[in-house]
Amino acid sequence: MARRTSYIDEERIRERLVSLIRIPSITGEEDAAVAQIADWLQQLDAEIDYWHDGITALQRDPRYPGHEVERAWAPVVVGVVRGEQPGPSVLLTGHVDVVPPGDYALWDDEPFSGMTRGDRIVGCGASDMKSGLIAALAAFEAFAEGGRHFPGRVIFAAVPAEEDSGLGTLAAIRGNWRADACIIPEPTVRDGVPELVIAHAGAISFHLRVPGKAAHASKRLQGESALDHFLTLYKAMRADERAVNEREPHPLMRQHELPYATNVGILRGGLWSSSVMDSLEAHVRIGVALGETVEAAEARFRRAIAEAVRDDPWLSRHPPQITRQASGFGSAQTDPEHPLVAALAEAAEEELRAAPRIAAAPYGCDMSGWVRLAGVPTVVYGPGDIDQAHAPNESASLETTYRVARTLVRTTERLLETDLDTLRLHNGGVLAAERG
């Protein structure tokens, strides 16, 4: 009987990756991409669950993480292949949405062209994470096409809204999808080789409105510049960023120069160059430390701002307004001793002739939802390069995508043959211990 890895077709991977890149599935506009994946799944001998979870229902869910992009629903498609005997469930999942491509002039080709340049497929979302999603789909197809001589079941899920707080994974979980182990092929390539990520930081976004007092520019001292007062708050944000990073104990997170970043992504303020700025709006993203709840991270941020406000004569009388936009991702980690980690490490070494580096990531992703909301042990391992993500001329290696697809097949085979009681006994290895 042919090995399941023989069902991984590099040319089919290329064709599907190009096709998916050519669908501009910017966050909030994912319907066409999910529909395309649903069409591919319907060509297989597999069970399909395809639905749209309404935003109103999602907002009523106590686990709702918030969202920044307006949408009416979250489209989700799930495929299932069942083996001949009972056994574990293994989930392969990823997101279809991409961030906007930005200034088209910075791209050598049209951002959604799916141009092939040697081994690289170029396009918005190629690295984050359409190459990974296609690798997961190819691995799922290997089980759909390679016979049912295995225990348990293999699940594939394509979700929206990862770039906007993980709303799509919440929708999948609300659809009662669970597993005994999960792999998310987000971009983890570093120095040409995929890392095996077992922990990641979280993130929250805030909207700040800082008041000032208008005056003619020639009489600047008669006014109160909202920009000057924002800079006071900015210094407090930076001090909080330094403090949370300096006290991080996890050795994998400490390998990063800045595990938990605070970033001001948008600033808007003022009406005229000859007027003192009377108000300013800022959109801020902060990191959530491993073991720190989203609520504790928010309290930490607000406390840092409050201390700066208290010591400032103007801000103490005119405090800024702070609104949480989206709780985004909590941090998450899986025990390095969990069988999922060993299975993937062994499969990667078998496929690539080198053991993957065990790592942690400074960014948030859908691993948080599966770990924190569903209690599913999860790791991240994918063909994209995080340095390519969200950047002009984003691209992914076709060869690496092919190798990752084969690694996912080998890993899934190992997990399906793992005793179910052993897997579930180790599921206490989902580390979600939280500090206040």
Protein backbone atom coordinates (compact mmCIF):
# COMPACT_ATOMS: atom_id res chain seq x y z
CA MET A 1 0.00 0.00 0.00
CA ALA A 2 1.34 3.44 -0.96
CA ARG A 3 2.50 5.71 1.83
CA ARG A 4 0.12 8.60 2.43
CA THR A 5 2.91 11.11 1.82
CA SER A 6 2.88 9.96 -1.82
CA TYR A 7 -0.53 11.64 -2.19
CA ILE A 8 1.07 15.06 -1.62
CA ASP A 9 1.26 16.58 -5.10
CA GLU A 10 3.60 19.57 -5.42
CA GLU A 11 1.99 20.85 -8.61
CA ARG A 12 -1.49 20.72 -7.05
CA ILE A 13 -0.14 22.62 -4.05
CA ARG A 14 1.25 25.30 -6.38
CA GLU A 15 -1.99 25.61 -8.35
CA ARG A 16 -4.13 25.89 -5.25
CA LEU A 17 -1.82 28.33 -3.51
CA VAL A 18 -1.82 30.60 -6.58
CA SER A 19 -5.61 30.31 -6.83
CA LEU A 20 -6.11 31.17 -3.15
CA ILE A 21 -3.71 34.14 -3.28
CA ARG A 22 -5.66 35.52 -6.22
CA ILE A 23 -8.72 35.81 -3.99
CA PRO A 24 -8.17 39.08 -2.08
CA SER A 25 -9.48 37.79 1.25
CA ILE A 26 -8.75 40.89 3.31
CA THR A 27 -10.11 40.57 6.85
CA GLY A 28 -13.86 41.06 6.70
CA GLU A 29 -14.02 39.92 3.06
CA GLU A 30 -13.26 36.21 3.42
CA ASP A 31 -16.44 34.69 1.93
CA ALA A 32 -15.01 33.92 -1.52
CA ALA A 33 -11.87 32.26 -0.12
CA VAL A 34 -13.83 30.07 2.29
CA ALA A 35 -16.23 29.16 -0.52
CA GLN A 36 -13.30 28.13 -2.72
CA ILE A 37 -11.93 25.87 0.01
CA ALA A 38 -15.39 24.42 0.58
CA ASP A 39 -15.54 23.61 -3.15
CA TRP A 40 -12.19 21.79 -2.97
CA LEU A 41 -13.36 19.83 0.07
CA GLN A 42 -16.58 18.83 -1.67
CA GLN A 43 -14.51 17.09 -4.35
CA LEU A 44 -13.24 14.67 -1.68
CA ASP A 45 -14.85 11.72 0.03
CA ALA A 46 -15.21 13.66 3.26
CA GLU A 47 -17.88 15.08 5.54
CA ILE A 48 -18.32 18.84 5.16
CA ASP A 49 -19.66 21.40 7.64
CA TYR A 50 -19.97 24.86 6.07
CA TRP A 51 -21.76 27.71 7.82
CA HIS A 52 -21.85 31.42 8.64
CA ASP A 53 -21.91 32.39 12.31
CA GLY A 54 -23.70 35.73 12.65
CA ILE A 55 -21.84 38.59 14.30
CA THR A 56 -24.75 39.30 16.64
CA ALA A 57 -24.63 35.76 18.04
CA LEU A 58 -20.84 35.96 18.34
CA GLN A 59 -21.07 39.24 20.24
CA ARG A 60 -23.47 37.65 22.74
CA ASP A 61 -21.02 34.83 23.45
CA PRO A 62 -19.22 35.46 26.77
CA ARG A 63 -15.96 34.42 25.05
CA TYR A 64 -16.35 37.10 22.34
CA PRO A 65 -12.91 38.70 21.82
CA GLY A 66 -14.10 41.87 20.13
CA HIS A 67 -13.40 42.88 16.55
CA GLU A 68 -12.20 45.95 14.68
CA VAL A 69 -13.37 45.24 11.12
CA GLU A 70 -17.08 45.50 10.48
CA ARG A 71 -18.68 42.26 9.30
CA ALA A 72 -22.10 40.58 9.25
CA TRP A 73 -20.87 37.04 9.86
CA ALA A 74 -17.88 34.72 10.12
CA PRO A 75 -17.78 32.02 7.38
CA VAL A 76 -16.24 28.69 8.45
CA VAL A 77 -15.71 25.40 6.62
CA VAL A 78 -14.73 22.11 8.25
CA GLY A 79 -13.89 18.80 6.61
CA VAL A 80 -13.74 15.45 8.40
CA VAL A 81 -12.29 12.08 7.38
CA ARG A 82 -13.09 9.19 9.71
CA GLY A 83 -10.91 6.11 10.05
CA GLU A 84 -12.11 2.52 10.34
CA GLN A 85 -11.59 2.30 14.10
CA PRO A 86 -12.16 4.63 17.03
CA GLY A 87 -9.20 6.77 18.03
CA PRO A 88 -7.93 10.31 18.52
CA SER A 89 -9.06 13.37 16.60
CA VAL A 90 -6.34 15.48 14.97
CA LEU A 91 -7.15 19.00 13.80
CA LEU A 92 -5.29 20.88 11.05
CA THR A 93 -6.50 24.47 10.86
CA GLY A 94 -5.61 27.91 9.57
CA HIS A 95 -7.03 31.29 8.60
CA VAL A 96 -7.88 32.58 5.14
CA ASP A 97 -7.81 36.31 5.90
CA VAL A 98 -4.92 38.64 5.09
CA VAL A 99 -4.05 42.19 6.05
CA PRO A 100 -4.42 44.92 3.39
CA PRO A 101 -1.44 45.04 1.02
CA GLY A 102 -0.71 48.72 1.71
CA ASP A 103 0.97 50.90 -0.90
CA TYR A 104 0.82 49.05 -4.22
CA ALA A 105 3.85 51.03 -5.41
CA LEU A 106 6.01 49.05 -2.97
CA TRP A 107 5.08 45.76 -4.67
CA ASP A 108 7.02 44.51 -7.69
CA ASP A 109 3.85 42.76 -8.92
CA GLU A 110 0.15 43.18 -8.28
CA PRO A 111 -0.30 42.06 -4.62
CA PHE A 112 -2.90 39.40 -5.48
CA SER A 113 -1.21 38.09 -8.62
CA GLY A 114 0.14 34.83 -7.19
CA MET A 115 3.22 35.30 -9.37
CA THR A 116 5.66 32.37 -9.43
CA ARG A 117 9.32 33.33 -9.25
CA GLY A 118 11.49 30.23 -9.16
CA ASP A 119 10.63 28.43 -5.93
CA ARG A 120 8.72 31.41 -4.52
CA ILE A 121 5.00 32.11 -4.83
CA VAL A 122 4.48 35.85 -4.40
CA GLY A 123 1.36 37.59 -3.14
CA CYS A 124 -0.44 39.14 -0.23
CA GLY A 125 -0.99 36.37 2.32
CA ALA A 126 1.44 33.92 0.69
CA SER A 127 3.43 33.56 3.91
CA ASP A 128 0.71 34.47 6.43
CA MET A 129 -0.77 32.02 5.98
CA LYS A 130 -2.12 30.74 2.67
CA SER A 131 0.91 28.53 2.08
CA GLY A 132 0.32 26.92 5.48
CA LEU A 133 -3.40 26.55 4.86
CA ILE A 134 -2.77 24.83 1.52
CA ALA A 135 -0.20 22.55 3.20
CA ALA A 136 -2.83 21.57 5.79
CA LEU A 137 -5.43 20.97 3.07
CA ALA A 138 -2.96 18.78 1.15
CA ALA A 139 -2.29 16.72 4.29
CA PHE A 140 -6.03 16.35 4.88
CA GLU A 141 -6.50 15.21 1.26
CA ALA A 142 -3.86 12.53 1.77
CA PHE A 143 -6.12 10.92 4.38
CA ALA A 144 -9.25 11.40 2.28
CA GLU A 145 -7.61 9.76 -0.76
CA GLY A 146 -5.33 7.23 0.92
CA GLY A 147 -7.90 4.87 2.38
CA ARG A 148 -9.46 4.69 5.82
CA HIS A 149 -7.03 2.21 7.36
CA PHE A 150 -6.38 4.33 10.41
CA PRO A 151 -8.01 4.92 13.80
CA GLY A 152 -9.73 8.15 14.82
CA ARG A 153 -10.49 11.07 12.56
CA VAL A 154 -8.68 13.89 10.79
CA ILE A 155 -10.29 17.34 10.81
CA PHE A 156 -9.47 20.31 8.60
CA ALA A 157 -10.88 23.78 9.38
CA ALA A 158 -10.50 27.04 7.45
CA VAL A 159 -11.50 30.09 9.46
CA PRO A 160 -11.69 33.88 8.96
CA ALA A 161 -10.77 36.82 11.18
CA GLU A 162 -7.45 35.68 12.65
CA GLU A 163 -5.96 39.06 11.79
CA ASP A 164 -8.83 40.63 13.72
CA SER A 165 -8.85 38.95 17.16
CA GLY A 166 -9.50 35.28 16.35
CA LEU A 167 -13.24 35.58 15.87
CA GLY A 168 -13.25 32.80 13.27
CA THR A 169 -11.75 30.22 15.62
CA LEU A 170 -14.37 31.14 18.22
CA ALA A 171 -17.00 30.44 15.54
CA ALA A 172 -15.44 27.02 14.87
CA ILE A 173 -15.43 26.21 18.57
CA ARG A 174 -19.04 27.39 18.85
CA GLY A 175 -19.77 24.88 16.08
CA ASN A 176 -18.77 22.17 18.60
CA TRP A 177 -15.53 21.25 16.87
CA ARG A 178 -12.89 19.81 19.20
CA ALA A 179 -9.82 17.59 18.89
CA ASP A 180 -7.24 15.77 20.95
CA ALA A 181 -4.39 17.60 19.22
CA CYS A 182 -4.17 20.58 16.87
CA ILE A 183 -1.53 21.90 14.46
CA ILE A 184 -1.73 25.41 13.00
CA PRO A 185 0.65 25.99 10.05
CA GLU A 186 1.20 29.70 10.68
CA PRO A 187 4.55 31.01 9.39
CA THR A 188 7.39 29.69 11.57
CA VAL A 189 10.31 29.48 9.12
CA ARG A 190 13.54 30.99 10.46
CA ASP A 191 16.84 30.72 8.60
CA GLY A 192 15.16 28.55 6.00
CA VAL A 193 13.82 25.90 8.41
CA PRO A 194 10.41 25.79 10.15
CA GLU A 195 10.51 26.09 13.94
CA LEU A 196 8.10 24.20 16.19
CA VAL A 197 6.31 26.86 18.23
CA ILE A 198 4.85 25.67 21.54
CA ALA A 199 4.05 29.06 23.13
CA HIS A 200 3.09 32.54 22.01
CA ALA A 201 2.35 35.97 23.39
CA GLY A 202 -1.09 37.51 23.43
CA ALA A 203 -2.28 40.94 22.30
CA ILE A 204 -4.93 43.55 23.09
CA SER A 205 -5.77 46.70 21.16
CA PHE A 206 -6.99 49.98 22.65
CA HIS A 207 -8.33 53.29 21.42
CA LEU A 208 -7.10 56.36 23.32
CA ARG A 209 -8.54 59.86 23.06
CA VAL A 210 -6.26 62.50 24.57
CA PRO A 211 -7.76 65.99 25.14
CA GLY A 212 -5.94 69.26 24.57
CA LYS A 213 -6.87 72.95 24.36
CA ALA A 214 -6.90 74.87 21.09
CA ALA A 215 -5.05 78.16 20.65
CA HIS A 216 -3.42 80.07 17.81
CA ALA A 217 -0.03 78.60 16.97
CA SER A 218 1.65 81.95 17.63
CA LYS A 219 0.25 81.77 21.17
CA ARG A 220 1.08 78.11 21.66
CA LEU A 221 1.69 78.47 25.39
CA GLN A 222 -1.92 79.58 25.85
CA GLY A 223 -3.07 76.20 24.58
CA GLU A 224 -2.51 72.60 25.63
CA SER A 225 -1.15 70.36 22.89
CA ALA A 226 -2.83 66.96 22.86
CA LEU A 227 0.32 65.66 21.16
CA ASP A 228 2.53 66.78 24.04
CA HIS A 229 0.20 65.07 26.51
CA PHE A 230 0.09 61.94 24.40
CA LEU A 231 3.89 61.81 24.55
CA THR A 232 3.61 61.78 28.35
CA LEU A 233 1.37 58.72 28.06
CA TYR A 234 3.66 57.20 25.43
CA LYS A 235 6.58 57.30 27.86
CA ALA A 236 4.43 55.48 30.40
CA MET A 237 3.55 52.83 27.80
CA ARG A 238 7.22 52.31 27.02
CA ALA A 239 8.07 52.00 30.72
CA ASP A 240 5.32 49.37 31.13
CA GLU A 241 6.65 47.54 28.06
CA ARG A 242 10.15 47.42 29.57
CA ALA A 243 8.84 46.19 32.92
CA VAL A 244 6.75 43.31 31.53
CA ASN A 245 9.63 42.14 29.34
CA GLU A 246 12.27 42.36 32.07
CA ARG A 247 10.30 40.08 34.40
CA GLU A 248 9.52 37.38 31.80
CA PRO A 249 10.88 34.05 33.14
CA HIS A 250 10.16 31.71 30.21
CA PRO A 251 13.49 30.77 28.54
CA LEU A 252 11.98 30.50 25.06
CA MET A 253 10.32 33.89 25.26
CA ARG A 254 13.50 35.47 26.62
CA GLN A 255 15.27 34.47 23.41
CA HIS A 256 13.36 37.28 21.68
CA GLU A 257 14.73 40.79 21.86
CA LEU A 258 11.23 42.07 22.62
CA PRO A 259 8.77 39.29 23.56
CA TYR A 260 5.88 41.65 24.38
CA ALA A 261 5.74 44.74 22.21
CA THR A 262 3.65 47.86 22.70
CA ASN A 263 2.94 49.55 19.38
CA VAL A 264 1.12 52.72 18.38
CA GLY A 265 -0.26 51.86 14.97
CA ILE A 266 -2.51 54.87 14.22
CA LEU A 267 -2.35 58.52 15.33
CA ARG A 268 -4.89 61.15 14.34
CA GLY A 269 -5.13 64.68 15.65
CA GLY A 270 -5.45 68.36 14.94
CA LEU A 271 -7.21 70.38 12.30
CA TRP A 272 -4.74 73.00 11.15
CA SER A 273 -1.00 73.68 11.30
CA SER A 274 -1.67 77.12 12.81
CA SER A 275 -3.75 75.73 15.65
CA VAL A 276 -2.61 73.96 18.81
CA MET A 277 -3.84 70.38 18.63
CA ASP A 278 -7.01 70.17 20.71
CA SER A 279 -7.44 66.39 20.62
CA LEU A 280 -5.63 63.26 19.52
CA GLU A 281 -6.72 59.69 18.88
CA ALA A 282 -4.35 56.73 19.07
CA HIS A 283 -4.75 53.03 18.34
CA VAL A 284 -2.42 51.02 20.55
CA ARG A 285 -1.59 47.32 20.67
CA ILE A 286 0.06 45.80 23.74
CA GLY A 287 1.48 42.33 24.36
CA VAL A 288 0.01 39.85 26.84
CA ALA A 289 2.61 37.82 28.72
CA LEU A 290 2.56 34.03 29.04
CA GLY A 291 0.33 33.09 31.93
CA GLU A 292 -1.16 36.61 32.08
CA THR A 293 -4.89 36.94 31.47
CA VAL A 294 -6.20 39.46 28.98
CA GLU A 295 -7.97 41.14 31.90
CA ALA A 296 -4.75 41.36 33.93
CA ALA A 297 -2.88 42.82 30.94
CA GLU A 298 -5.59 45.44 30.46
CA ALA A 299 -5.43 46.34 34.15
CA ARG A 300 -1.64 46.64 33.89
CA PHE A 301 -1.92 49.00 30.91
CA ARG A 302 -4.60 51.14 32.52
CA ARG A 303 -2.58 51.32 35.73
CA ALA A 304 0.48 52.60 33.85
CA ILE A 305 -1.61 55.28 32.14
CA ALA A 306 -3.34 56.24 35.40
CA GLU A 307 0.00 56.78 37.15
CA ALA A 308 1.16 59.10 34.36
CA VAL A 309 -2.14 60.98 34.45
CA ARG A 310 -1.97 61.42 38.22
CA ASP A 311 1.41 63.17 37.99
CA ASP A 312 0.45 65.51 35.13
CA PRO A 313 -1.40 68.77 35.99
CA TRP A 314 -3.37 68.90 32.73
CA LEU A 315 -4.13 65.21 32.32
CA SER A 316 -5.18 64.83 35.95
CA ARG A 317 -7.94 67.38 35.29
CA HIS A 318 -8.65 66.17 31.74
CA PRO A 319 -7.98 62.41 31.76
CA PRO A 320 -7.76 60.49 28.49
CA GLN A 321 -10.52 58.14 27.42
CA ILE A 322 -9.39 54.52 27.01
CA THR A 323 -11.55 51.98 25.19
CA ARG A 324 -10.60 48.38 24.60
CA GLN A 325 -11.17 47.66 20.93
CA ALA A 326 -10.48 43.95 20.84
CA SER A 327 -9.15 41.56 23.44
CA GLY A 328 -7.56 39.71 20.56
CA PHE A 329 -5.48 36.79 21.69
CA GLY A 330 -4.58 35.64 25.12
CA SER A 331 -1.15 34.08 25.42
CA ALA A 332 -0.97 30.29 25.20
CA GLN A 333 1.46 27.42 25.65
CA THR A 334 1.55 23.64 25.38
CA ASP A 335 3.76 21.45 27.55
CA PRO A 336 6.96 20.53 25.64
CA GLU A 337 6.51 16.97 26.98
CA HIS A 338 3.12 16.54 25.29
CA PRO A 339 3.04 13.69 22.70
CA LEU A 340 2.01 16.22 20.04
CA VAL A 341 5.37 17.98 20.35
CA ALA A 342 7.32 14.73 20.11
CA ALA A 343 5.27 13.48 17.15
CA LEU A 344 5.80 16.64 15.14
CA ALA A 345 9.49 16.89 16.03
CA GLU A 346 10.08 13.29 14.93
CA ALA A 347 8.11 13.73 11.71
CA ALA A 348 9.94 16.96 10.84
CA GLU A 349 13.33 15.37 11.42
CA GLU A 350 12.31 12.40 9.28
CA GLU A 351 11.17 14.66 6.43
CA LEU A 352 13.82 17.42 6.62
CA ARG A 353 16.73 15.42 8.06
CA ALA A 354 17.05 17.94 10.88
CA ALA A 355 15.25 18.27 14.20
CA PRO A 356 13.19 21.45 14.40
CA ARG A 357 14.09 24.10 16.94
CA ILE A 358 11.51 24.32 19.73
CA ALA A 359 10.50 27.96 19.98
CA ALA A 360 8.06 30.54 21.29
CA ALA A 361 6.55 33.41 19.27
CA PRO A 362 6.13 37.07 20.25
CA TYR A 363 2.91 37.35 18.24
CA GLY A 364 -0.58 36.03 18.92
CA CYS A 365 -2.49 33.57 16.77
CA ASP A 366 -5.43 31.14 16.76
CA MET A 367 -3.52 28.72 19.00
CA SER A 368 -4.85 30.87 21.84
CA GLY A 369 -8.46 30.06 21.02
CA TRP A 370 -7.93 26.31 20.77
CA VAL A 371 -5.88 26.18 23.98
CA ARG A 372 -7.79 28.64 26.14
CA LEU A 373 -11.36 28.21 24.91
CA ALA A 374 -11.40 24.54 23.89
CA GLY A 375 -8.58 23.01 25.95
CA VAL A 376 -6.95 21.48 22.86
CA PRO A 377 -3.15 20.96 22.96
CA THR A 378 -1.87 23.00 20.02
CA VAL A 379 1.42 23.79 18.32
CA VAL A 380 2.34 26.04 15.41
CA TYR A 381 4.47 24.79 12.52
CA GLY A 382 4.26 26.19 9.02
CA PRO A 383 6.04 26.97 5.74
CA GLY A 384 5.80 30.76 5.79
CA ASP A 385 8.46 33.14 7.07
CA ILE A 386 7.20 35.54 9.75
CA ASP A 387 9.59 38.21 8.42
CA GLN A 388 7.64 38.08 5.14
CA ALA A 389 4.25 38.46 6.81
CA HIS A 390 2.40 41.76 6.32
CA ALA A 391 5.23 43.03 4.09
CA PRO A 392 5.42 44.13 0.43
CA ASN A 393 6.44 41.34 -1.96
CA GLU A 394 5.37 38.70 0.57
CA SER A 395 6.19 35.23 -0.69
CA ALA A 396 6.46 31.59 0.35
CA SER A 397 8.64 28.70 -0.76
CA LEU A 398 6.82 26.04 -2.76
CA GLU A 399 9.37 23.39 -1.73
CA THR A 400 8.97 24.22 1.97
CA THR A 401 5.18 24.17 1.64
CA TYR A 402 5.43 20.71 0.07
CA ARG A 403 7.78 19.47 2.83
CA VAL A 404 5.53 20.85 5.57
CA ALA A 405 2.50 19.12 4.02
CA ARG A 406 4.38 15.82 4.12
CA THR A 407 5.46 16.51 7.71
CA LEU A 408 1.84 17.14 8.69
CA VAL A 409 0.86 13.77 7.20
CA ARG A 410 3.61 11.98 9.11
CA THR A 411 2.72 13.77 12.34
CA THR A 412 -0.99 13.01 11.99
CA GLU A 413 -0.24 9.33 11.36
CA ARG A 414 1.80 9.20 14.57
CA LEU A 415 -0.88 10.94 16.60
CA LEU A 416 -3.68 8.71 15.29
CA GLU A 417 -1.68 5.67 16.42
CA THR A 418 -1.14 7.16 19.90
CA ASP A 419 -3.26 5.63 22.63
CA LEU A 420 -6.22 7.92 23.22
CA ASP A 421 -5.95 7.64 27.00
CA THR A 422 -2.29 8.63 26.78
CA LEU A 423 -3.12 11.71 24.71
CA ARG A 424 -5.88 12.79 27.04
CA LEU A 425 -3.82 12.06 30.13
CA HIS A 426 -1.23 14.47 28.77
CA ASN A 427 -3.84 17.08 27.94
CA GLY A 428 -3.13 18.50 31.33
CA GLY A 429 -0.06 19.67 29.46
CA VAL A 430 -2.08 22.52 28.02
CA LEU A 431 -0.56 25.24 30.14
CA ALA A 432 -3.03 28.03 30.67
CA ALA A 433 -2.03 28.91 34.22
CA GLU A 434 -2.74 32.61 34.60
CA ARG A 435 -1.13 35.22 36.74
CA GLY A 436 -2.88 38.37 37.80
